[in-house]
Amino acid sequence: MTETKKATKKKSGGLKAWLAAREEESDLYLSLAELLVVVVLALSVAALIILTLIWIFTACDLEMRELRLKESLTTLNDNWKAVLILLVPLFYRAIRRFIARIRKGPWGMEADAEDEAPKEDTPLEENPHAEEET
């Protein structure tokens, strides 16, 4: 390795320092991506509901409307698990922040208030809740 590369590597502190310097940027990108996902999902669901209602109410007679409504509700009932998959990206940041604030175990979960939460890069020895027992 040349002298300039070694000097540059020592100045920068390596990959960890580079990632720490861009933490705010990554939070910004994550919040923008989250907003984009929420808007796209909301618009898609709204369009799907509107198109389904139009499809149901444009049937020729009452019997056909009932069949279309029944088919729509059956499809919704069969595919409700897809909603759970769609909820994961919507709550990713909130869940990540909550996990960082947890003090106790899984079923007796307690979390600090948002302003009292230790920083993610705080070492375990400096974390005031590290030695607390349940």
Protein backbone atom coordinates (compact mmCIF):
# COMPACT_ATOMS: atom_id res chain seq x y z
CA MET A 1 0.00 0.00 0.00
CA THR A 2 1.37 3.41 -0.83
CA GLU A 3 2.05 6.08 1.77
CA THR A 4 -0.82 8.29 0.62
CA LYS A 5 -3.35 5.47 0.93
CA LYS A 6 -2.10 4.63 4.43
CA ALA A 7 -2.29 8.27 5.50
CA THR A 8 -5.79 8.61 4.06
CA LYS A 9 -6.93 5.46 5.82
CA LYS A 10 -5.54 6.66 9.17
CA LYS A 11 -7.19 10.08 8.81
CA SER A 12 -10.59 8.73 7.89
CA GLY A 13 -10.79 6.08 10.59
CA GLY A 14 -11.96 3.38 8.24
CA LEU A 15 -15.39 2.12 7.35
CA LYS A 16 -16.88 2.63 10.81
CA ALA A 17 -16.10 6.35 10.77
CA TRP A 18 -17.41 6.66 7.23
CA LEU A 19 -20.70 5.02 8.20
CA ALA A 20 -21.02 7.15 11.34
CA ALA A 21 -20.51 10.31 9.30
CA ARG A 22 -23.34 9.33 6.98
CA GLU A 23 -25.81 8.23 9.62
CA GLU A 24 -27.94 11.36 9.24
CA GLU A 25 -28.01 10.92 5.47
CA SER A 26 -29.12 7.33 5.82
CA ASP A 27 -31.89 8.35 8.24
CA LEU A 28 -33.01 10.96 5.72
CA TYR A 29 -33.02 8.44 2.88
CA LEU A 30 -34.84 5.93 5.07
CA SER A 31 -37.52 8.45 6.01
CA LEU A 32 -37.99 9.46 2.36
CA ALA A 33 -38.22 5.83 1.28
CA GLU A 34 -40.69 5.16 4.09
CA LEU A 35 -42.82 8.12 3.01
CA LEU A 36 -42.73 6.95 -0.59
CA VAL A 37 -43.81 3.42 0.40
CA VAL A 38 -46.67 4.77 2.53
CA VAL A 39 -47.92 7.08 -0.23
CA VAL A 40 -47.71 4.39 -2.93
CA LEU A 41 -49.48 1.83 -0.73
CA ALA A 42 -52.20 4.31 0.27
CA LEU A 43 -52.84 5.32 -3.33
CA SER A 44 -52.82 1.70 -4.49
CA VAL A 45 -55.29 0.60 -1.82
CA ALA A 46 -57.55 3.59 -2.50
CA ALA A 47 -57.49 2.90 -6.25
CA LEU A 48 -58.21 -0.79 -5.67
CA ILE A 49 -61.19 0.03 -3.44
CA ILE A 50 -62.58 2.55 -5.90
CA LEU A 51 -62.16 0.22 -8.88
CA THR A 52 -63.75 -2.66 -6.99
CA LEU A 53 -66.74 -0.53 -6.03
CA ILE A 54 -67.12 0.63 -9.62
CA TRP A 55 -66.89 -2.98 -10.80
CA ILE A 56 -69.56 -4.06 -8.29
CA PHE A 57 -72.02 -1.25 -8.98
CA THR A 58 -71.75 -1.34 -12.77
CA ALA A 59 -73.33 -4.78 -12.92
CA CYS A 60 -76.52 -4.99 -14.97
CA ASP A 61 -78.88 -6.48 -12.41
CA LEU A 62 -79.08 -6.97 -8.67
CA GLU A 63 -78.18 -10.67 -8.81
CA MET A 64 -74.94 -9.89 -10.67
CA ARG A 65 -74.07 -7.19 -8.12
CA GLU A 66 -74.52 -9.69 -5.30
CA LEU A 67 -72.24 -12.19 -7.06
CA ARG A 68 -69.56 -9.56 -7.63
CA LEU A 69 -69.77 -8.39 -4.02
CA LYS A 70 -69.53 -11.98 -2.80
CA GLU A 71 -66.52 -12.61 -5.07
CA SER A 72 -64.80 -9.42 -3.85
CA LEU A 73 -65.33 -10.29 -0.18
CA THR A 74 -64.14 -13.87 -0.75
CA THR A 75 -60.96 -12.57 -2.41
CA LEU A 76 -60.39 -10.18 0.48
CA ASN A 77 -60.93 -12.96 3.02
CA ASP A 78 -58.57 -15.32 1.21
CA ASN A 79 -55.76 -12.76 0.89
CA TRP A 80 -55.86 -10.87 4.20
CA LYS A 81 -52.34 -12.11 5.06
CA ALA A 82 -50.92 -9.86 2.34
CA VAL A 83 -51.85 -6.91 4.56
CA LEU A 84 -49.49 -8.22 7.23
CA ILE A 85 -46.65 -8.32 4.73
CA LEU A 86 -47.43 -4.75 3.66
CA LEU A 87 -47.32 -3.53 7.27
CA VAL A 88 -43.67 -4.53 7.77
CA PRO A 89 -42.14 -1.68 5.72
CA LEU A 90 -44.62 0.79 7.15
CA PHE A 91 -43.48 0.28 10.74
CA TYR A 92 -39.79 -0.56 10.21
CA ARG A 93 -38.35 2.64 11.71
CA ALA A 94 -40.76 2.71 14.63
CA ILE A 95 -39.95 -0.89 15.52
CA ARG A 96 -36.21 -0.27 15.16
CA ARG A 97 -36.39 2.72 17.52
CA PHE A 98 -38.49 0.77 20.02
CA ILE A 99 -36.04 -2.14 20.06
CA ALA A 100 -33.21 0.30 20.81
CA ARG A 101 -35.11 1.56 23.90
CA ILE A 102 -36.13 -1.80 25.41
CA ARG A 103 -35.00 -2.35 29.00
CA LYS A 104 -36.64 -5.66 29.95
CA GLY A 105 -37.34 -9.01 28.38
CA PRO A 106 -39.75 -9.94 25.61
CA TRP A 107 -43.02 -10.51 27.49
CA GLY A 108 -42.52 -7.99 30.30
CA MET A 109 -41.29 -5.35 27.87
CA GLU A 110 -40.58 -1.92 29.18
CA ALA A 111 -39.00 0.86 27.19
CA ASP A 112 -37.46 4.19 28.08
CA ALA A 113 -39.09 7.38 26.98
CA GLU A 114 -37.77 8.50 23.62
CA ASP A 115 -35.66 11.30 25.12
CA GLU A 116 -34.12 8.99 27.76
CA ALA A 117 -33.07 6.27 25.35
CA PRO A 118 -29.33 5.63 25.14
CA LYS A 119 -27.66 6.30 21.82
CA GLU A 120 -27.21 3.26 19.59
CA ASP A 121 -23.44 3.70 19.60
CA THR A 122 -23.23 3.98 23.42
CA PRO A 123 -21.00 1.21 24.79
CA LEU A 124 -22.64 -1.28 27.12
CA GLU A 125 -20.63 -0.01 30.12
CA GLU A 126 -21.97 3.53 29.67
CA ASN A 127 -25.58 2.42 29.18
CA PRO A 128 -27.39 3.25 32.44
CA HIS A 129 -29.83 0.36 31.98
CA ALA A 130 -27.23 -2.27 31.13
CA GLU A 131 -26.90 -3.58 34.69
CA GLU A 132 -30.58 -3.45 35.66
CA GLU A 133 -32.10 -6.82 36.45
CA THR A 134 -35.72 -7.76 35.79
